[in-house]
N, C-alpha and C. Protein backbone atom coordinates (compact mmCIF):
# COMPACT_ATOMS: atom_id res chain seq x y z
N VAL A 1 0.80 -1.58 -0.27
CA VAL A 1 0.17 -0.07 -0.11
C VAL A 1 0.84 1.40 -0.08
N GLN A 2 0.67 2.34 -0.58
CA GLN A 2 1.32 3.36 -1.13
C GLN A 2 0.32 4.24 -0.82
N LEU A 3 0.45 5.81 -0.13
CA LEU A 3 0.25 6.31 -0.18
C LEU A 3 0.60 7.85 -0.34
N VAL A 4 0.83 8.82 -1.62
CA VAL A 4 2.03 9.83 -1.76
C VAL A 4 1.21 11.06 -2.07
N GLU A 5 1.72 12.15 -1.23
CA GLU A 5 1.45 13.15 -1.43
C GLU A 5 2.44 14.38 -1.95
N SER A 6 1.27 15.00 -2.75
CA SER A 6 2.32 16.41 -3.26
C SER A 6 1.55 17.80 -3.48
N GLY A 7 1.95 18.35 -3.93
CA GLY A 7 1.53 19.59 -3.82
C GLY A 7 2.46 20.37 -2.67
N GLY A 8 2.37 19.82 -2.00
CA GLY A 8 2.46 20.91 -0.47
C GLY A 8 3.75 22.30 -1.61
N GLY A 9 4.37 23.43 -0.95
CA GLY A 9 4.89 24.56 -0.89
C GLY A 9 5.58 26.07 -0.18
N LEU A 10 5.80 26.78 -0.60
CA LEU A 10 5.64 27.69 0.25
C LEU A 10 4.48 28.66 -0.35
N VAL A 11 3.65 29.24 -0.17
CA VAL A 11 2.24 30.17 -0.15
C VAL A 11 2.21 31.58 0.58
N GLN A 12 2.02 31.98 -0.11
CA GLN A 12 1.73 33.63 0.71
C GLN A 12 0.14 34.08 1.35
N PRO A 13 0.46 34.33 2.18
CA PRO A 13 -1.36 34.36 2.67
C PRO A 13 -2.02 34.43 1.68
N GLY A 14 -3.45 34.28 2.13
CA GLY A 14 -4.21 34.44 1.39
C GLY A 14 -4.56 33.74 -0.49
N GLY A 15 -3.57 32.97 -0.51
CA GLY A 15 -3.16 31.88 -2.01
C GLY A 15 -3.57 30.67 -1.72
N SER A 16 -3.21 30.01 -2.79
CA SER A 16 -4.21 28.89 -2.82
C SER A 16 -2.65 27.93 -2.90
N LEU A 17 -3.19 26.63 -2.84
CA LEU A 17 -2.30 25.66 -2.86
C LEU A 17 -3.58 24.47 -3.47
N ARG A 18 -2.57 23.48 -4.34
CA ARG A 18 -3.47 22.27 -4.47
C ARG A 18 -3.10 20.28 -3.97
N LEU A 19 -3.22 20.15 -2.77
CA LEU A 19 -2.88 18.78 -2.93
C LEU A 19 -2.80 17.49 -3.80
N SER A 20 -2.38 16.51 -3.48
CA SER A 20 -3.21 15.37 -4.84
C SER A 20 -2.41 14.60 -3.63
N CYS A 21 -3.26 13.32 -3.48
CA CYS A 21 -2.29 11.98 -2.81
C CYS A 21 -2.68 11.06 -3.76
N ALA A 22 -1.96 10.42 -4.18
CA ALA A 22 -2.09 9.13 -5.34
C ALA A 22 -1.50 7.63 -4.35
N ALA A 23 -2.46 6.72 -4.85
CA ALA A 23 -3.59 6.14 -3.87
C ALA A 23 -2.65 4.21 -4.76
N SER A 24 -2.50 3.35 -3.83
CA SER A 24 -1.81 1.93 -4.63
C SER A 24 -2.49 1.00 -3.55
N GLY A 25 -2.43 0.18 -4.45
CA GLY A 25 -1.82 -1.18 -3.27
C GLY A 25 -3.70 -1.14 -2.46
N PHE A 26 -4.26 -0.97 -2.84
CA PHE A 26 -5.63 -1.29 -1.79
C PHE A 26 -6.93 -0.70 -3.08
N THR A 27 -8.28 -1.22 -2.57
CA THR A 27 -9.33 -0.78 -3.56
C THR A 27 -9.76 0.51 -3.39
N PHE A 28 -9.05 1.70 -4.20
CA PHE A 28 -9.58 3.04 -3.41
C PHE A 28 -10.27 3.21 -3.22
N SER A 29 -11.61 2.83 -4.38
CA SER A 29 -12.95 2.97 -4.63
C SER A 29 -14.17 2.59 -3.44
N SER A 30 -13.22 1.72 -2.76
CA SER A 30 -13.64 1.29 -1.43
C SER A 30 -13.80 2.04 -0.41
N TYR A 31 -12.84 2.73 -0.23
CA TYR A 31 -12.15 3.73 0.84
C TYR A 31 -12.49 4.67 1.11
N THR A 32 -12.84 5.55 2.43
CA THR A 32 -12.60 6.66 2.32
C THR A 32 -11.50 7.26 2.38
N MET A 33 -11.29 9.23 2.21
CA MET A 33 -9.63 9.18 1.73
C MET A 33 -9.91 10.44 2.81
N GLY A 34 -9.26 10.19 3.80
CA GLY A 34 -9.19 11.89 4.99
C GLY A 34 -8.15 13.06 4.38
N TRP A 35 -8.15 13.77 4.43
CA TRP A 35 -6.01 14.69 4.71
C TRP A 35 -6.85 15.00 6.53
N PHE A 36 -5.35 15.04 7.03
CA PHE A 36 -4.72 15.86 8.18
C PHE A 36 -3.76 16.39 8.47
N ARG A 37 -3.71 17.59 9.12
CA ARG A 37 -2.06 17.77 9.41
C ARG A 37 -1.50 17.72 10.41
N GLN A 38 -0.29 18.39 10.88
CA GLN A 38 0.34 18.90 11.69
C GLN A 38 0.82 20.14 12.26
N ALA A 39 1.01 20.57 12.50
CA ALA A 39 1.73 21.81 12.82
C ALA A 39 2.64 21.49 13.89
N PRO A 40 4.25 22.31 13.49
CA PRO A 40 5.00 21.87 14.52
C PRO A 40 4.65 21.95 16.22
N GLY A 41 5.04 21.37 16.56
CA GLY A 41 4.43 21.42 18.64
C GLY A 41 3.08 20.87 18.59
N LYS A 42 1.96 20.54 17.28
CA LYS A 42 0.54 20.70 18.14
C LYS A 42 0.41 19.17 17.79
N GLU A 43 -0.25 18.05 17.69
CA GLU A 43 -1.15 17.19 17.65
C GLU A 43 -1.66 17.80 15.82
N ARG A 44 -1.34 16.67 15.31
CA ARG A 44 -1.99 15.89 14.29
C ARG A 44 -3.87 16.22 14.62
N GLU A 45 -3.95 16.99 13.62
CA GLU A 45 -5.93 17.35 13.75
C GLU A 45 -6.04 16.98 11.88
N PHE A 46 -7.56 16.37 12.24
CA PHE A 46 -8.36 16.14 10.86
C PHE A 46 -9.16 17.68 10.50
N VAL A 47 -8.69 17.48 8.97
CA VAL A 47 -9.13 18.25 8.09
C VAL A 47 -10.65 17.74 7.25
N ALA A 48 -10.55 17.38 6.70
CA ALA A 48 -11.46 16.65 5.24
C ALA A 48 -11.47 15.04 5.45
N ALA A 49 -12.80 14.17 4.74
CA ALA A 49 -12.88 13.58 4.41
C ALA A 49 -13.71 13.68 3.11
N LYS A 50 -13.65 12.02 2.51
CA LYS A 50 -14.73 11.82 1.41
C LYS A 50 -14.75 10.47 1.17
N ASP A 51 -16.10 9.96 0.96
CA ASP A 51 -15.79 8.26 1.15
C ASP A 51 -16.01 8.17 -0.39
N TRP A 52 -16.12 6.64 -1.06
CA TRP A 52 -16.22 6.78 -2.41
C TRP A 52 -17.22 6.87 -3.30
N ILE A 53 -18.48 7.27 -2.81
CA ILE A 53 -19.26 8.02 -3.22
C ILE A 53 -19.69 9.18 -3.26
N GLY A 54 -18.71 9.72 -1.99
CA GLY A 54 -19.17 11.39 -3.01
C GLY A 54 -19.85 12.11 -1.35
N ARG A 55 -20.19 11.06 -0.15
CA ARG A 55 -19.64 11.90 1.30
C ARG A 55 -18.83 12.45 1.10
N PHE A 56 -19.26 13.46 1.99
CA PHE A 56 -18.09 14.18 2.67
C PHE A 56 -18.02 15.12 4.33
N THR A 57 -17.49 15.63 4.62
CA THR A 57 -16.86 16.34 5.40
C THR A 57 -15.81 16.81 6.08
N TYR A 58 -16.14 17.53 7.21
CA TYR A 58 -14.43 19.13 7.09
C TYR A 58 -14.58 19.46 8.50
N ASP A 59 -13.72 19.80 8.82
CA ASP A 59 -13.29 20.21 10.28
C ASP A 59 -13.50 21.23 10.10
N THR A 60 -15.20 22.03 10.07
CA THR A 60 -15.42 23.52 9.69
C THR A 60 -14.85 24.43 10.71
N ASP A 61 -14.80 24.11 11.23
CA ASP A 61 -13.93 25.35 12.38
C ASP A 61 -12.49 25.64 11.80
N SER A 62 -11.94 25.53 11.43
CA SER A 62 -10.57 25.33 10.49
C SER A 62 -10.59 26.32 9.43
N VAL A 63 -11.65 25.27 8.79
CA VAL A 63 -11.10 25.77 7.31
C VAL A 63 -12.47 25.68 6.81
N LYS A 64 -14.08 25.61 6.70
CA LYS A 64 -15.03 26.18 6.05
C LYS A 64 -14.71 27.14 5.24
N GLY A 65 -15.41 26.97 4.10
CA GLY A 65 -15.53 27.44 2.89
C GLY A 65 -14.29 27.92 1.74
N ARG A 66 -13.03 26.79 3.24
CA ARG A 66 -11.65 27.64 2.06
C ARG A 66 -11.19 26.20 1.62
N PHE A 67 -11.73 24.72 2.03
CA PHE A 67 -11.04 23.55 2.00
C PHE A 67 -11.50 23.14 1.00
N THR A 68 -11.17 22.45 -0.13
CA THR A 68 -12.21 21.99 -0.70
C THR A 68 -11.91 20.04 -0.96
N ILE A 69 -12.25 18.87 -0.73
CA ILE A 69 -11.79 18.35 -0.61
C ILE A 69 -12.64 17.11 -1.58
N SER A 70 -11.79 16.80 -2.54
CA SER A 70 -12.13 15.84 -4.23
C SER A 70 -11.84 14.53 -4.15
N ARG A 71 -12.17 13.45 -5.14
CA ARG A 71 -11.17 12.30 -5.42
C ARG A 71 -11.67 12.35 -6.14
N ASP A 72 -10.88 11.55 -7.52
CA ASP A 72 -11.12 10.71 -9.22
C ASP A 72 -10.45 9.02 -8.70
N ASN A 73 -12.17 8.70 -8.76
CA ASN A 73 -11.54 7.56 -8.58
C ASN A 73 -10.65 6.67 -9.68
N ALA A 74 -11.31 6.81 -10.52
CA ALA A 74 -10.67 6.11 -12.36
C ALA A 74 -9.19 6.43 -11.73
N LYS A 75 -8.56 7.57 -11.61
CA LYS A 75 -6.98 7.74 -11.10
C LYS A 75 -6.45 7.37 -9.97
N ASN A 76 -7.03 7.17 -8.66
CA ASN A 76 -6.50 6.90 -7.64
C ASN A 76 -6.35 7.57 -6.82
N THR A 77 -6.95 8.81 -6.82
CA THR A 77 -5.97 10.65 -6.61
C THR A 77 -7.17 10.49 -5.08
N VAL A 78 -6.41 11.50 -4.03
CA VAL A 78 -7.79 11.85 -3.63
C VAL A 78 -6.59 13.89 -3.48
N PHE A 79 -7.81 15.08 -3.65
CA PHE A 79 -6.78 15.92 -3.64
C PHE A 79 -7.58 16.88 -1.69
N LEU A 80 -6.76 18.01 -2.31
CA LEU A 80 -7.21 18.85 -1.43
C LEU A 80 -7.43 20.26 -1.97
N GLN A 81 -8.43 21.08 -2.54
CA GLN A 81 -8.12 22.62 -3.16
C GLN A 81 -7.72 23.41 -1.84
N MET A 82 -7.01 24.46 -1.55
CA MET A 82 -6.43 24.92 -0.40
C MET A 82 -6.35 26.65 -0.96
N ASN A 83 -7.78 27.39 -0.15
CA ASN A 83 -7.57 28.90 -0.49
C ASN A 83 -7.43 29.61 0.25
N SER A 84 -7.48 30.80 0.14
CA SER A 84 -7.39 31.63 1.42
C SER A 84 -6.45 31.85 2.07
N LEU A 85 -5.26 31.21 2.30
CA LEU A 85 -4.34 30.74 3.24
C LEU A 85 -4.44 31.21 4.03
N LYS A 86 -3.97 30.71 4.93
CA LYS A 86 -3.39 31.89 6.87
C LYS A 86 -2.00 30.83 6.84
N PRO A 87 -1.34 31.51 7.88
CA PRO A 87 -0.30 31.37 8.61
C PRO A 87 -0.58 29.87 9.82
N GLU A 88 -1.55 30.14 10.03
CA GLU A 88 -2.76 28.77 10.80
C GLU A 88 -2.70 27.39 10.44
N ASP A 89 -2.80 28.25 9.15
CA ASP A 89 -2.79 26.63 8.13
C ASP A 89 -1.66 25.38 8.16
N MET A 90 -0.20 26.04 8.42
CA MET A 90 1.28 26.02 7.60
C MET A 90 1.50 24.39 8.97
N ALA A 91 1.27 23.47 8.31
CA ALA A 91 1.87 22.57 8.33
C ALA A 91 1.97 21.40 7.57
N VAL A 92 2.51 20.37 8.16
CA VAL A 92 2.17 18.91 7.30
C VAL A 92 1.27 18.20 7.36
N TYR A 93 0.66 18.29 5.90
CA TYR A 93 -0.60 17.47 5.31
C TYR A 93 0.01 15.66 5.02
N TYR A 94 -1.20 14.77 5.40
CA TYR A 94 -1.12 14.21 4.97
C TYR A 94 -2.88 13.37 4.93
N CYS A 95 -2.35 12.73 3.89
CA CYS A 95 -3.41 11.95 3.31
C CYS A 95 -3.82 10.39 4.15
N ALA A 96 -4.43 10.24 4.49
CA ALA A 96 -5.41 8.92 5.02
C ALA A 96 -6.17 8.28 4.29
N ALA A 97 -6.52 6.46 4.20
CA ALA A 97 -7.57 6.06 3.68
C ALA A 97 -8.09 4.85 5.10
N LYS A 98 -9.47 4.37 4.65
CA LYS A 98 -9.69 3.59 5.87
C LYS A 98 -11.24 2.93 5.41
N PRO A 99 -11.19 1.84 5.24
CA PRO A 99 -12.06 1.42 4.55
C PRO A 99 -13.40 1.89 4.60
N GLY A 100 -14.25 1.54 3.94
CA GLY A 100 -15.87 1.60 4.03
C GLY A 100 -16.05 3.27 4.17
N GLY A 101 -17.51 3.81 4.82
CA GLY A 101 -17.49 5.02 4.56
C GLY A 101 -16.50 5.95 6.01
N LEU A 102 -17.79 7.09 5.82
CA LEU A 102 -17.32 7.82 7.06
C LEU A 102 -16.83 7.26 8.38
N GLY A 103 -18.60 6.63 8.32
CA GLY A 103 -18.64 6.29 9.67
C GLY A 103 -18.93 7.06 10.73
N ARG A 104 -19.08 6.85 12.22
CA ARG A 104 -19.69 7.62 12.96
C ARG A 104 -18.91 9.09 13.63
N ASP A 105 -17.32 8.13 13.44
CA ASP A 105 -16.99 8.95 13.66
C ASP A 105 -15.36 9.55 12.41
N PRO A 106 -15.89 9.93 11.04
CA PRO A 106 -15.12 10.36 9.92
C PRO A 106 -13.48 10.48 10.61
N SER A 107 -12.99 10.99 11.52
CA SER A 107 -11.56 11.51 11.90
C SER A 107 -11.09 10.18 12.61
N HIS A 108 -11.40 9.21 12.36
CA HIS A 108 -10.64 7.33 13.35
C HIS A 108 -10.77 6.66 12.16
N ASP A 109 -10.33 5.73 12.89
CA ASP A 109 -10.20 4.19 12.60
C ASP A 109 -9.03 4.27 10.90
N TYR A 110 -7.95 4.89 10.83
CA TYR A 110 -7.79 5.19 9.60
C TYR A 110 -6.46 4.44 9.08
N HIS A 111 -6.35 3.50 8.19
CA HIS A 111 -5.62 2.08 8.50
C HIS A 111 -4.04 2.18 7.55
N TYR A 112 -4.32 3.13 6.28
CA TYR A 112 -3.39 3.77 5.63
C TYR A 112 -2.65 4.75 5.82
N TRP A 113 -1.62 5.91 5.34
CA TRP A 113 -0.98 7.15 5.91
C TRP A 113 0.22 7.07 4.91
N GLY A 114 -0.02 8.81 4.54
CA GLY A 114 0.97 8.80 3.27
C GLY A 114 2.39 9.63 4.55
N GLN A 115 3.31 9.75 3.50
CA GLN A 115 4.46 10.66 4.13
C GLN A 115 4.19 11.60 4.56
N GLY A 116 3.40 12.74 3.55
CA GLY A 116 3.13 13.83 4.21
C GLY A 116 3.27 14.95 3.62
N THR A 117 2.83 16.65 3.31
CA THR A 117 3.88 17.28 2.43
C THR A 117 3.62 18.22 3.13
N GLN A 118 4.89 19.19 3.22
CA GLN A 118 4.65 20.30 3.61
C GLN A 118 4.40 21.53 3.59
N VAL A 119 3.03 22.27 3.63
CA VAL A 119 2.93 23.59 3.47
C VAL A 119 3.21 24.18 4.35
N THR A 120 3.74 25.83 4.04
CA THR A 120 3.84 27.28 4.20
C THR A 120 3.35 27.99 4.05
N VAL A 121 2.87 28.45 4.74
CA VAL A 121 2.02 30.19 4.77
C VAL A 121 2.88 30.81 5.31
N SER A 122 3.31 32.25 4.35
CA SER A 122 4.16 33.19 4.75
C SER A 122 4.25 34.17 4.29
N SER A 123 4.70 35.13 4.16
CA SER A 123 5.15 36.83 3.48
C SER A 123 6.10 36.85 3.30
């Protein structure tokens, strides 16, 4: 199993980035895909998740109206479009996969994790 994130980098406040996560080694279309992030000195936090039929959820307090999760089941790829980025969005972003649907808690029970991609928001 592999989850490979890409698309991170340095962006100014107010800018945008699109993260991608290419998956292999499991039946992508049967898994819920999630994005998490971890800032220095902080615990990893849930950002967003989307199941294989398109139901989705976000950590609305932090990313509401700014981030959009999408997925291309034909290409085994999940995306995170991040707009209006703020310095507090700076973190290592990880994608993760769990079998089945969102579940009672969309932020739990992920089986597979990527290595992460750094997002730096700074002027």
